[in-house]
Amino acid sequence: MSGDPSTAKPEPATSAWNPFRHAAFTVLWTATVISNIGGWISSAASGWLMTSLDPSPLVVSLVQVASTLPMFLGAVPAGALADVIDRRKFLIAANVATVAVSAAYAAIVMLGLATPVNLLLFTFLSGLTGALMSPAWQSIVPHLVPKADLNPAITANSVGVNVSRAVGPALGGIIIARLGIAAPFWVDAVSTVGVIGALIWWRSGQAPERLPAERFGSAVRTGFRHARNNPYLRATLVRAVAFFFFASAYWALLPLVARERIAGGPDLYGYLLGAIGAGAVGGAFALPWLKRRLGTDRLVAVGTVGTAIATALFGLARSPAAGLAASIIAGACWIAPISALNVSAQMALPEWVRGRGLAIFVTAFFGALSLGSAVWGQAAELFGLPTAHLAAAAGALLAIPLTWRWKLQTGAGLDLTPSMHWPVPVVANEFDRDRGPVLVTVEYRIDPRDRQKFLAALAKVGEERRRDGAYAWGVFEDVAEPGRMVETFLVESWLDHLRQHERVTNADRVSQDAVYRFQVGGTPKVTHMIAAEQQETS
C-alpha cells in the first residue's frame, strides 16, 4: 500500500452532526464541555492571579509551564494504564481527584493564603489530573461512535474544547470581577461532578481480554517501541512539535499582553481568551470544506501561517481591538492543526496500543508547549514582549518547509483491525507463560536473484515485529546455501509472544504476504525457542 497521500482515496462526506446520533457520545461530550468551561474559568483565574502575585514575565509564563508540564511527564504512564486497566473506572477516579484538587485550592484562595509557589503547585496538580485522563479520554472515542463517524467525532471534541475556551475565560473574567478571585476555582470543582455522573451511567461494552493485562513497566516499554517503529505516528509527532513549540508563545504571554501592552483588567483577559475560543469554533465550521480543498498537510500549513500572523499581532497590539483581532485569528488557525494532528495520530494506531500511542502524542504536544512557554517567557524577560512574539512568529513560518517531508494521515487507508491469522504455537509441555525471553525464527527459501527485493519486503515485516512487541529483530543468510534466509526476533516472555498473535493487523498481513511470495516451495518454517532454565536437583 502506498504511503503517498496523493494516491489515497478521497474520504466520504460525513456530516459533522453524525456523532451526536449516538447517546453515549452526546452525553459524555456535553458533560465534558461543561467541565472544560469550568477548567477554562479556573485557568483564566490562575493566569490573572499570578499577575497580581508576581508580574514578572518569566513567572507569569511559568503558569503555562506548570499546566502543560504534567502532560509531558505523566501522559505516557497514563497511556499505559489506559491500555491495561478499565478505562471507565480510571476516568471516574481521575475526575474525583480533579474535584478534590480544585476545591482544596478554592479554599486556599478564599482564606487569602495564595502565593506564587502554591499557585504553581495547584496548576501542576490540576494539569497532572488532566494528564492522567487525556489518553483514556481519547482512547474511548472509537467506542462511542462507529468508525465512519470517528473523524467528525474527533473534530466535535476539538470544537467542544474551543466552545469551552470561548465561554470559560469570558465567564472567568466576569466571575472574578463580580464574585472575587476564589469563585472560579469553586466553579471548576462543581463543573466536574457531571462528568463523574456521565461515566457512571455509560457502559463501554468492550469485550474482555483473552490474555492477562500487561505489566505496567512492560506496557510502557512496548508503547515506546511501537511509536519508534510506527512511521505514521512519527511523522505526526514531528509536525506536532514544530507547530506547538512556536504556538505556545501567545498562550504563555497573553496575560501580560492584556495587562501591560493593552492595560486592561481581568475582564479583558477573559475576553481575549474567549475570542480565541470563538475563533476556533468558527474555524471548525470551515474545516471540512478547507480539508477537501487543501488536503491535510496544506491545511496545517495554512493554520501555521495564520498562527504566525496572530502571534505577531499580539506582539504589536496596543489596543483592545487589535488584541481581539489577533485572538480571533489565533483561534481560527488553532483548530485546523490540532484537529488534523489528533486525527492523524488516531489513524496511525491499532486499538491495543491506542492509549499509549495517544499518550506519546500528548507528551509531544504538551512537551513542546511547556518548553516553548519557558523559552518565550525568558525571551520576553530579556528582550521584551514584541521581540519574543515576532521571533516566535518567524520560527513558526520557518518550520513549515523544514518539516514538510513528514506527511500527515498517511495511515488513513490502513486496516488496523486484528487479522488473527497467526496459528497458535504448538508446545510439547506446559510451562510458566511469564518465562522468557522467547526467540522466534522464520526460515525462508528464496531464489538468490530475488535477494534484494526479498530483504526490502522483509524490512517492512521487521518494523511490524518491533511495533508489536519484539525488542530485537534481524535476518541472516546461510553462507553455504544461497537463498536460505533466517529471520529472528526476540520478545520478553511467552505471554508477550501470545499477545503478538493478537496484535497483528490486516495491514501487517499484507506485508507478510508480500514476503511469502518470495518463498520457493512449501511455506516458511517457524520455530519458537524459550530461554532454558536449569533444573534444580536435590
Foldseek 3Di string as FASTA:
>chain_A
DDLDPVPDDDQDDDDLCVLVVFPLLVLLLVLVLLLLLLVLLLLLLLLQVVCVQPVQLLLSLLLLLLLLVLLLVPQQLLLLCLLFDPLLVQLLVLLVQLLVLLVVVLVCVVVVNDHSVVSSVSSNSNSNSVSNNVLSVLLLLCLRDPPSCSLSSLLSSLLSSLQSQLNRQLVSLVCCVPPNSSVSSNSSSVSSVSSSVSSVPDDSPDDDDPAHGDDSVLSSVLLVLLCVLQLLLVLLLLLLLLQQLLLLLCVSCLVVLQCPQQNHHSNLSSNLSSLLSVLQNVLSVCQVVCCVVQNLLVLLLVLLLLSLVLLLLSLVDRHSVSSSVSSSSNNSSVSSSVSQSSVQQQLSDASSSSSSSVSVSSSSNSVSSSVSSSVLSVVCSVPNSNVSSNVSSVSSNVSSVVSVVSDTNSSNPPFQAFPLPDDDDDDDDDDDQQFAWKKKKWKAAFDLVCVVVLVVLVVSLVSLVSSLAWPDKDKDDDPVDRRIMMIMTIGNGNSSVVSSSRRQGPNSVVSVVSNQVRGDPDGIDMDMDGDDDDDDDD
